[in-house]
Amino acid sequence: MVAAMALGAQGVWCGSAFLATHEARLSKGQKEMLIRTKETGTALSKHFTGKRARVIDGLWVSEAANSGLDPLPMHQQLAMTDPIMRAADAQGRVDVNPGVAGQGVGMITEIRSAGEVVHALASHASEILENGII
């Protein structure tokens, strides 16, 4: 966070860190996928919603990419995939719907509370700034 801001960013997007919290409405399997996924374990795909998103690489992503088919426009693609992803979630099929995650997913090592995530971000940033590391 501090590095991005030192380069001129006005803020950072760190949503993946909050997906791996007790408060997030994800399945236990998807939260565990966040912990297991390395930085290289994501892919950009339009095959979930029709809009480009970074997702955890899985069966749906690989099959869609290998199909040679273009995704439908956003609302049509979402209308098609939503029931499939809901069914996959209901059956615990994280291989089909492992979930979304940003490039920082490799830094997620445990499921914590949202408060702990905020505290860790703030204390880490404070430590870096106080020690003049950047």
N, C-alpha and C. Protein backbone atom coordinates (compact mmCIF):
# COMPACT_ATOMS: atom_id res chain seq x y z
N MET A 1 0.82 -1.17 0.00
CA MET A 1 0.00 0.00 0.00
C MET A 1 0.88 1.25 0.00
N VAL A 2 1.86 1.28 0.86
CA VAL A 2 2.74 2.45 0.95
C VAL A 2 3.54 2.61 -0.34
N ALA A 3 3.99 1.51 -0.92
CA ALA A 3 4.76 1.59 -2.16
C ALA A 3 3.91 2.20 -3.28
N ALA A 4 2.66 1.78 -3.39
CA ALA A 4 1.78 2.33 -4.43
C ALA A 4 1.55 3.82 -4.20
N MET A 5 1.36 4.20 -2.96
CA MET A 5 1.13 5.60 -2.66
C MET A 5 2.40 6.43 -2.86
N ALA A 6 3.56 5.83 -2.59
CA ALA A 6 4.82 6.52 -2.83
C ALA A 6 5.04 6.79 -4.31
N LEU A 7 4.44 5.95 -5.14
CA LEU A 7 4.54 6.13 -6.59
C LEU A 7 3.48 7.09 -7.12
N GLY A 8 2.67 7.65 -6.23
CA GLY A 8 1.71 8.66 -6.64
C GLY A 8 0.25 8.25 -6.58
N ALA A 9 -0.03 7.01 -6.20
CA ALA A 9 -1.42 6.58 -6.11
C ALA A 9 -2.13 7.32 -4.99
N GLN A 10 -3.37 7.63 -5.18
CA GLN A 10 -4.18 8.28 -4.14
C GLN A 10 -4.83 7.25 -3.22
N GLY A 11 -4.77 6.00 -3.61
CA GLY A 11 -5.35 4.93 -2.82
C GLY A 11 -4.98 3.60 -3.45
N VAL A 12 -5.37 2.53 -2.81
CA VAL A 12 -5.09 1.20 -3.34
C VAL A 12 -6.35 0.35 -3.23
N TRP A 13 -6.44 -0.62 -4.10
CA TRP A 13 -7.55 -1.57 -4.07
C TRP A 13 -7.02 -2.83 -3.41
N CYS A 14 -7.57 -3.20 -2.29
CA CYS A 14 -7.09 -4.39 -1.58
C CYS A 14 -8.26 -5.28 -1.18
N GLY A 15 -9.20 -5.43 -2.10
CA GLY A 15 -10.41 -6.18 -1.82
C GLY A 15 -10.19 -7.64 -1.51
N SER A 16 -9.20 -8.27 -2.14
CA SER A 16 -8.97 -9.69 -1.91
C SER A 16 -8.67 -9.98 -0.44
N ALA A 17 -7.97 -9.08 0.20
CA ALA A 17 -7.65 -9.28 1.61
C ALA A 17 -8.92 -9.36 2.45
N PHE A 18 -9.97 -8.65 2.04
CA PHE A 18 -11.21 -8.65 2.78
C PHE A 18 -12.13 -9.82 2.41
N LEU A 19 -11.83 -10.47 1.29
CA LEU A 19 -12.60 -11.67 0.95
C LEU A 19 -12.25 -12.82 1.88
N ALA A 20 -11.04 -12.82 2.38
CA ALA A 20 -10.58 -13.89 3.28
C ALA A 20 -10.81 -13.50 4.74
N THR A 21 -11.98 -12.93 5.01
CA THR A 21 -12.32 -12.57 6.39
C THR A 21 -13.55 -13.36 6.85
N HIS A 22 -13.70 -13.42 8.14
CA HIS A 22 -14.86 -14.10 8.71
C HIS A 22 -16.17 -13.45 8.25
N GLU A 23 -16.12 -12.13 8.03
CA GLU A 23 -17.33 -11.40 7.67
C GLU A 23 -17.74 -11.56 6.21
N ALA A 24 -16.82 -11.94 5.35
CA ALA A 24 -17.12 -12.07 3.92
C ALA A 24 -18.11 -13.19 3.68
N ARG A 25 -19.04 -12.93 2.78
CA ARG A 25 -20.07 -13.93 2.47
C ARG A 25 -19.60 -14.84 1.34
N LEU A 26 -18.53 -15.54 1.58
CA LEU A 26 -18.02 -16.55 0.66
C LEU A 26 -18.10 -17.90 1.35
N SER A 27 -18.09 -18.94 0.54
CA SER A 27 -18.09 -20.28 1.14
C SER A 27 -16.73 -20.53 1.79
N LYS A 28 -16.72 -21.45 2.71
CA LYS A 28 -15.46 -21.84 3.37
C LYS A 28 -14.45 -22.31 2.32
N GLY A 29 -14.94 -23.04 1.32
CA GLY A 29 -14.05 -23.53 0.27
C GLY A 29 -13.41 -22.41 -0.52
N GLN A 30 -14.18 -21.36 -0.82
CA GLN A 30 -13.62 -20.23 -1.56
C GLN A 30 -12.60 -19.48 -0.71
N LYS A 31 -12.86 -19.34 0.57
CA LYS A 31 -11.90 -18.68 1.45
C LYS A 31 -10.61 -19.50 1.53
N GLU A 32 -10.74 -20.81 1.58
CA GLU A 32 -9.55 -21.66 1.60
C GLU A 32 -8.78 -21.57 0.28
N MET A 33 -9.50 -21.40 -0.83
CA MET A 33 -8.84 -21.21 -2.13
C MET A 33 -8.00 -19.94 -2.12
N LEU A 34 -8.49 -18.90 -1.48
CA LEU A 34 -7.73 -17.65 -1.38
C LEU A 34 -6.41 -17.88 -0.66
N ILE A 35 -6.43 -18.70 0.37
CA ILE A 35 -5.21 -18.99 1.14
C ILE A 35 -4.25 -19.84 0.31
N ARG A 36 -4.77 -20.79 -0.45
CA ARG A 36 -3.91 -21.71 -1.23
C ARG A 36 -3.38 -21.11 -2.52
N THR A 37 -4.03 -20.07 -3.03
CA THR A 37 -3.66 -19.54 -4.34
C THR A 37 -2.41 -18.67 -4.27
N LYS A 38 -1.49 -18.92 -5.15
CA LYS A 38 -0.26 -18.13 -5.25
C LYS A 38 -0.50 -16.93 -6.17
N GLU A 39 0.47 -16.02 -6.22
CA GLU A 39 0.35 -14.83 -7.07
C GLU A 39 0.09 -15.18 -8.52
N THR A 40 0.61 -16.31 -8.97
CA THR A 40 0.46 -16.72 -10.37
C THR A 40 -0.79 -17.55 -10.60
N GLY A 41 -1.64 -17.70 -9.60
CA GLY A 41 -2.81 -18.56 -9.70
C GLY A 41 -4.09 -17.87 -10.12
N THR A 42 -3.96 -16.67 -10.69
CA THR A 42 -5.15 -15.96 -11.14
C THR A 42 -5.10 -15.78 -12.66
N ALA A 43 -6.24 -15.45 -13.22
CA ALA A 43 -6.32 -15.20 -14.66
C ALA A 43 -7.35 -14.10 -14.90
N LEU A 44 -7.17 -13.38 -15.98
CA LEU A 44 -8.17 -12.41 -16.40
C LEU A 44 -9.17 -13.13 -17.30
N SER A 45 -10.44 -12.98 -17.01
CA SER A 45 -11.44 -13.70 -17.78
C SER A 45 -12.72 -12.87 -17.90
N LYS A 46 -13.35 -12.95 -19.06
CA LYS A 46 -14.67 -12.36 -19.26
C LYS A 46 -15.75 -13.43 -19.19
N HIS A 47 -15.35 -14.66 -18.92
CA HIS A 47 -16.29 -15.78 -18.99
C HIS A 47 -17.14 -16.00 -17.74
N PHE A 48 -17.02 -15.13 -16.75
CA PHE A 48 -17.90 -15.21 -15.59
C PHE A 48 -19.07 -14.23 -15.77
N THR A 49 -18.74 -12.97 -16.02
CA THR A 49 -19.78 -11.94 -16.08
C THR A 49 -19.90 -11.27 -17.45
N GLY A 50 -18.96 -11.50 -18.31
CA GLY A 50 -18.92 -10.79 -19.58
C GLY A 50 -18.02 -9.57 -19.50
N LYS A 51 -17.63 -9.19 -18.31
CA LYS A 51 -16.72 -8.07 -18.10
C LYS A 51 -15.41 -8.64 -17.56
N ARG A 52 -14.30 -8.12 -18.01
CA ARG A 52 -13.00 -8.63 -17.61
C ARG A 52 -12.81 -8.52 -16.10
N ALA A 53 -12.45 -9.63 -15.49
CA ALA A 53 -12.22 -9.67 -14.05
C ALA A 53 -11.07 -10.63 -13.76
N ARG A 54 -10.35 -10.37 -12.70
CA ARG A 54 -9.29 -11.28 -12.27
C ARG A 54 -9.92 -12.30 -11.33
N VAL A 55 -9.76 -13.55 -11.68
CA VAL A 55 -10.36 -14.65 -10.93
C VAL A 55 -9.31 -15.70 -10.62
N ILE A 56 -9.61 -16.53 -9.64
CA ILE A 56 -8.72 -17.65 -9.36
C ILE A 56 -8.87 -18.64 -10.50
N ASP A 57 -7.75 -19.05 -11.03
CA ASP A 57 -7.75 -19.96 -12.16
C ASP A 57 -8.36 -21.29 -11.74
N GLY A 58 -9.27 -21.79 -12.54
CA GLY A 58 -9.93 -23.04 -12.22
C GLY A 58 -10.53 -23.66 -13.46
N LEU A 59 -11.36 -24.65 -13.25
CA LEU A 59 -11.95 -25.41 -14.34
C LEU A 59 -12.75 -24.53 -15.30
N TRP A 60 -13.58 -23.65 -14.76
CA TRP A 60 -14.40 -22.79 -15.63
C TRP A 60 -13.51 -21.91 -16.52
N VAL A 61 -12.49 -21.32 -15.93
CA VAL A 61 -11.60 -20.43 -16.69
C VAL A 61 -10.87 -21.19 -17.78
N SER A 62 -10.30 -22.34 -17.43
CA SER A 62 -9.53 -23.09 -18.42
C SER A 62 -10.41 -23.65 -19.53
N GLU A 63 -11.57 -24.18 -19.18
CA GLU A 63 -12.47 -24.71 -20.20
C GLU A 63 -12.98 -23.61 -21.12
N ALA A 64 -13.32 -22.47 -20.54
CA ALA A 64 -13.81 -21.35 -21.35
C ALA A 64 -12.71 -20.84 -22.28
N ALA A 65 -11.50 -20.72 -21.77
CA ALA A 65 -10.39 -20.23 -22.59
C ALA A 65 -10.08 -21.20 -23.72
N ASN A 66 -10.15 -22.49 -23.43
CA ASN A 66 -9.85 -23.51 -24.45
C ASN A 66 -10.99 -23.75 -25.43
N SER A 67 -12.17 -23.23 -25.14
CA SER A 67 -13.33 -23.48 -26.01
C SER A 67 -13.24 -22.71 -27.32
N GLY A 68 -12.50 -21.60 -27.31
CA GLY A 68 -12.44 -20.76 -28.49
C GLY A 68 -13.66 -19.87 -28.66
N LEU A 69 -14.60 -19.96 -27.74
CA LEU A 69 -15.82 -19.15 -27.81
C LEU A 69 -15.62 -17.81 -27.11
N ASP A 70 -16.16 -16.77 -27.71
CA ASP A 70 -16.14 -15.46 -27.07
C ASP A 70 -17.24 -15.41 -26.02
N PRO A 71 -17.00 -14.71 -24.92
CA PRO A 71 -18.07 -14.57 -23.93
C PRO A 71 -19.19 -13.70 -24.50
N LEU A 72 -20.37 -13.86 -23.94
CA LEU A 72 -21.50 -13.04 -24.32
C LEU A 72 -21.34 -11.64 -23.73
N PRO A 73 -22.13 -10.68 -24.19
CA PRO A 73 -22.09 -9.35 -23.54
C PRO A 73 -22.40 -9.50 -22.05
N MET A 74 -21.99 -8.53 -21.28
CA MET A 74 -21.99 -8.61 -19.83
C MET A 74 -23.27 -9.20 -19.22
N HIS A 75 -24.40 -8.62 -19.43
CA HIS A 75 -25.59 -9.09 -18.72
C HIS A 75 -26.04 -10.47 -19.21
N GLN A 76 -25.80 -10.77 -20.47
CA GLN A 76 -26.17 -12.08 -20.99
C GLN A 76 -25.25 -13.16 -20.44
N GLN A 77 -23.95 -12.88 -20.38
CA GLN A 77 -22.99 -13.84 -19.83
C GLN A 77 -23.30 -14.12 -18.37
N LEU A 78 -23.58 -13.06 -17.64
CA LEU A 78 -23.90 -13.22 -16.21
C LEU A 78 -25.19 -14.01 -16.02
N ALA A 79 -26.18 -13.76 -16.87
CA ALA A 79 -27.44 -14.50 -16.77
C ALA A 79 -27.22 -15.99 -17.03
N MET A 80 -26.25 -16.30 -17.90
CA MET A 80 -25.97 -17.70 -18.20
C MET A 80 -25.14 -18.36 -17.08
N THR A 81 -24.13 -17.66 -16.59
CA THR A 81 -23.22 -18.28 -15.63
C THR A 81 -23.73 -18.26 -14.19
N ASP A 82 -24.57 -17.30 -13.85
CA ASP A 82 -25.00 -17.17 -12.46
C ASP A 82 -25.61 -18.45 -11.90
N PRO A 83 -26.56 -19.09 -12.60
CA PRO A 83 -27.12 -20.34 -12.05
C PRO A 83 -26.08 -21.46 -11.95
N ILE A 84 -25.13 -21.47 -12.88
CA ILE A 84 -24.08 -22.49 -12.84
C ILE A 84 -23.19 -22.28 -11.62
N MET A 85 -22.80 -21.03 -11.38
CA MET A 85 -21.92 -20.73 -10.26
C MET A 85 -22.63 -20.94 -8.92
N ARG A 86 -23.92 -20.63 -8.88
CA ARG A 86 -24.70 -20.88 -7.65
C ARG A 86 -24.79 -22.38 -7.36
N ALA A 87 -25.00 -23.16 -8.41
CA ALA A 87 -25.05 -24.62 -8.24
C ALA A 87 -23.69 -25.15 -7.81
N ALA A 88 -22.62 -24.62 -8.40
CA ALA A 88 -21.27 -25.04 -8.01
C ALA A 88 -21.02 -24.70 -6.55
N ASP A 89 -21.43 -23.50 -6.12
CA ASP A 89 -21.27 -23.11 -4.72
C ASP A 89 -22.04 -24.04 -3.79
N ALA A 90 -23.27 -24.36 -4.18
CA ALA A 90 -24.12 -25.22 -3.35
C ALA A 90 -23.52 -26.62 -3.19
N GLN A 91 -22.78 -27.06 -4.20
CA GLN A 91 -22.16 -28.39 -4.16
C GLN A 91 -20.71 -28.34 -3.69
N GLY A 92 -20.23 -27.16 -3.29
CA GLY A 92 -18.85 -27.03 -2.83
C GLY A 92 -17.82 -27.22 -3.94
N ARG A 93 -18.20 -26.94 -5.17
CA ARG A 93 -17.32 -27.16 -6.32
C ARG A 93 -16.44 -25.93 -6.57
N VAL A 94 -15.43 -25.74 -5.71
CA VAL A 94 -14.53 -24.60 -5.89
C VAL A 94 -13.64 -24.79 -7.12
N ASP A 95 -13.61 -26.00 -7.67
CA ASP A 95 -12.88 -26.19 -8.93
C ASP A 95 -13.61 -25.48 -10.07
N VAL A 96 -14.93 -25.39 -9.99
CA VAL A 96 -15.73 -24.70 -11.01
C VAL A 96 -15.80 -23.21 -10.69
N ASN A 97 -16.08 -22.85 -9.45
CA ASN A 97 -16.19 -21.45 -9.05
C ASN A 97 -15.27 -21.16 -7.87
N PRO A 98 -13.97 -21.02 -8.14
CA PRO A 98 -13.05 -20.75 -7.04
C PRO A 98 -13.15 -19.32 -6.51
N GLY A 99 -13.72 -18.41 -7.30
CA GLY A 99 -13.92 -17.04 -6.85
C GLY A 99 -12.99 -16.05 -7.51
N VAL A 100 -13.17 -14.80 -7.14
CA VAL A 100 -12.37 -13.71 -7.66
C VAL A 100 -11.20 -13.46 -6.72
N ALA A 101 -10.13 -12.91 -7.27
CA ALA A 101 -8.98 -12.53 -6.44
C ALA A 101 -8.04 -11.67 -7.25
N GLY A 102 -7.45 -10.70 -6.59
CA GLY A 102 -6.48 -9.83 -7.23
C GLY A 102 -5.09 -10.42 -7.20
N GLN A 103 -4.14 -9.67 -7.73
CA GLN A 103 -2.77 -10.14 -7.83
C GLN A 103 -2.09 -10.30 -6.47
N GLY A 104 -2.63 -9.68 -5.45
CA GLY A 104 -2.06 -9.80 -4.11
C GLY A 104 -2.52 -11.03 -3.35
N VAL A 105 -3.24 -11.91 -4.02
CA VAL A 105 -3.81 -13.08 -3.35
C VAL A 105 -2.73 -13.93 -2.67
N GLY A 106 -1.54 -13.95 -3.19
CA GLY A 106 -0.47 -14.76 -2.60
C GLY A 106 -0.05 -14.31 -1.21
N MET A 107 -0.44 -13.09 -0.83
CA MET A 107 -0.10 -12.59 0.50
C MET A 107 -1.14 -12.99 1.55
N ILE A 108 -2.22 -13.63 1.11
CA ILE A 108 -3.25 -14.07 2.05
C ILE A 108 -2.85 -15.43 2.61
N THR A 109 -2.67 -15.49 3.92
CA THR A 109 -2.18 -16.73 4.53
C THR A 109 -3.14 -17.32 5.55
N GLU A 110 -4.20 -16.55 5.91
CA GLU A 110 -5.14 -17.05 6.88
C GLU A 110 -6.45 -16.28 6.78
N ILE A 111 -7.48 -16.85 7.34
CA ILE A 111 -8.77 -16.18 7.43
C ILE A 111 -8.78 -15.40 8.74
N ARG A 112 -9.01 -14.09 8.63
CA ARG A 112 -9.00 -13.21 9.80
C ARG A 112 -10.28 -12.40 9.82
N SER A 113 -10.41 -11.59 10.84
CA SER A 113 -11.54 -10.66 10.88
C SER A 113 -11.19 -9.45 10.02
N ALA A 114 -12.21 -8.73 9.56
CA ALA A 114 -11.98 -7.53 8.77
C ALA A 114 -11.20 -6.50 9.59
N GLY A 115 -11.50 -6.43 10.87
CA GLY A 115 -10.77 -5.52 11.75
C GLY A 115 -9.29 -5.84 11.81
N GLU A 116 -8.97 -7.12 11.86
CA GLU A 116 -7.56 -7.52 11.87
C GLU A 116 -6.86 -7.13 10.57
N VAL A 117 -7.57 -7.24 9.46
CA VAL A 117 -6.99 -6.85 8.17
C VAL A 117 -6.70 -5.36 8.16
N VAL A 118 -7.65 -4.55 8.60
CA VAL A 118 -7.45 -3.10 8.65
C VAL A 118 -6.29 -2.75 9.57
N HIS A 119 -6.26 -3.38 10.74
CA HIS A 119 -5.18 -3.11 11.69
C HIS A 119 -3.82 -3.49 11.09
N ALA A 120 -3.73 -4.65 10.44
CA ALA A 120 -2.47 -5.09 9.84
C ALA A 120 -2.02 -4.13 8.73
N LEU A 121 -2.95 -3.69 7.90
CA LEU A 121 -2.60 -2.73 6.84
C LEU A 121 -2.07 -1.43 7.44
N ALA A 122 -2.78 -0.92 8.43
CA ALA A 122 -2.38 0.35 9.04
C ALA A 122 -1.06 0.24 9.79
N SER A 123 -0.88 -0.82 10.55
CA SER A 123 0.36 -0.95 11.32
C SER A 123 1.56 -1.20 10.42
N HIS A 124 1.36 -1.97 9.36
CA HIS A 124 2.46 -2.22 8.42
C HIS A 124 2.84 -0.92 7.71
N ALA A 125 1.87 -0.16 7.28
CA ALA A 125 2.14 1.12 6.62
C ALA A 125 2.84 2.08 7.58
N SER A 126 2.37 2.12 8.81
CA SER A 126 2.97 3.00 9.82
C SER A 126 4.43 2.62 10.08
N GLU A 127 4.69 1.32 10.19
CA GLU A 127 6.06 0.84 10.42
C GLU A 127 6.99 1.25 9.28
N ILE A 128 6.54 1.09 8.06
CA ILE A 128 7.35 1.44 6.90
C ILE A 128 7.62 2.94 6.88
N LEU A 129 6.60 3.74 7.12
CA LEU A 129 6.77 5.18 7.09
C LEU A 129 7.65 5.69 8.23
N GLU A 130 7.48 5.11 9.42
CA GLU A 130 8.28 5.54 10.56
C GLU A 130 9.75 5.18 10.42
N ASN A 131 10.03 4.05 9.80
CA ASN A 131 11.40 3.57 9.64
C ASN A 131 12.06 4.11 8.37
N GLY A 132 11.33 4.88 7.58
CA GLY A 132 11.89 5.47 6.37
C GLY A 132 12.30 4.45 5.34
N ILE A 133 11.65 3.30 5.32
CA ILE A 133 11.99 2.25 4.36
C ILE A 133 11.71 2.73 2.95
N ILE A 134 10.68 3.53 2.79
CA ILE A 134 10.36 4.11 1.46
C ILE A 134 10.45 5.60 1.56
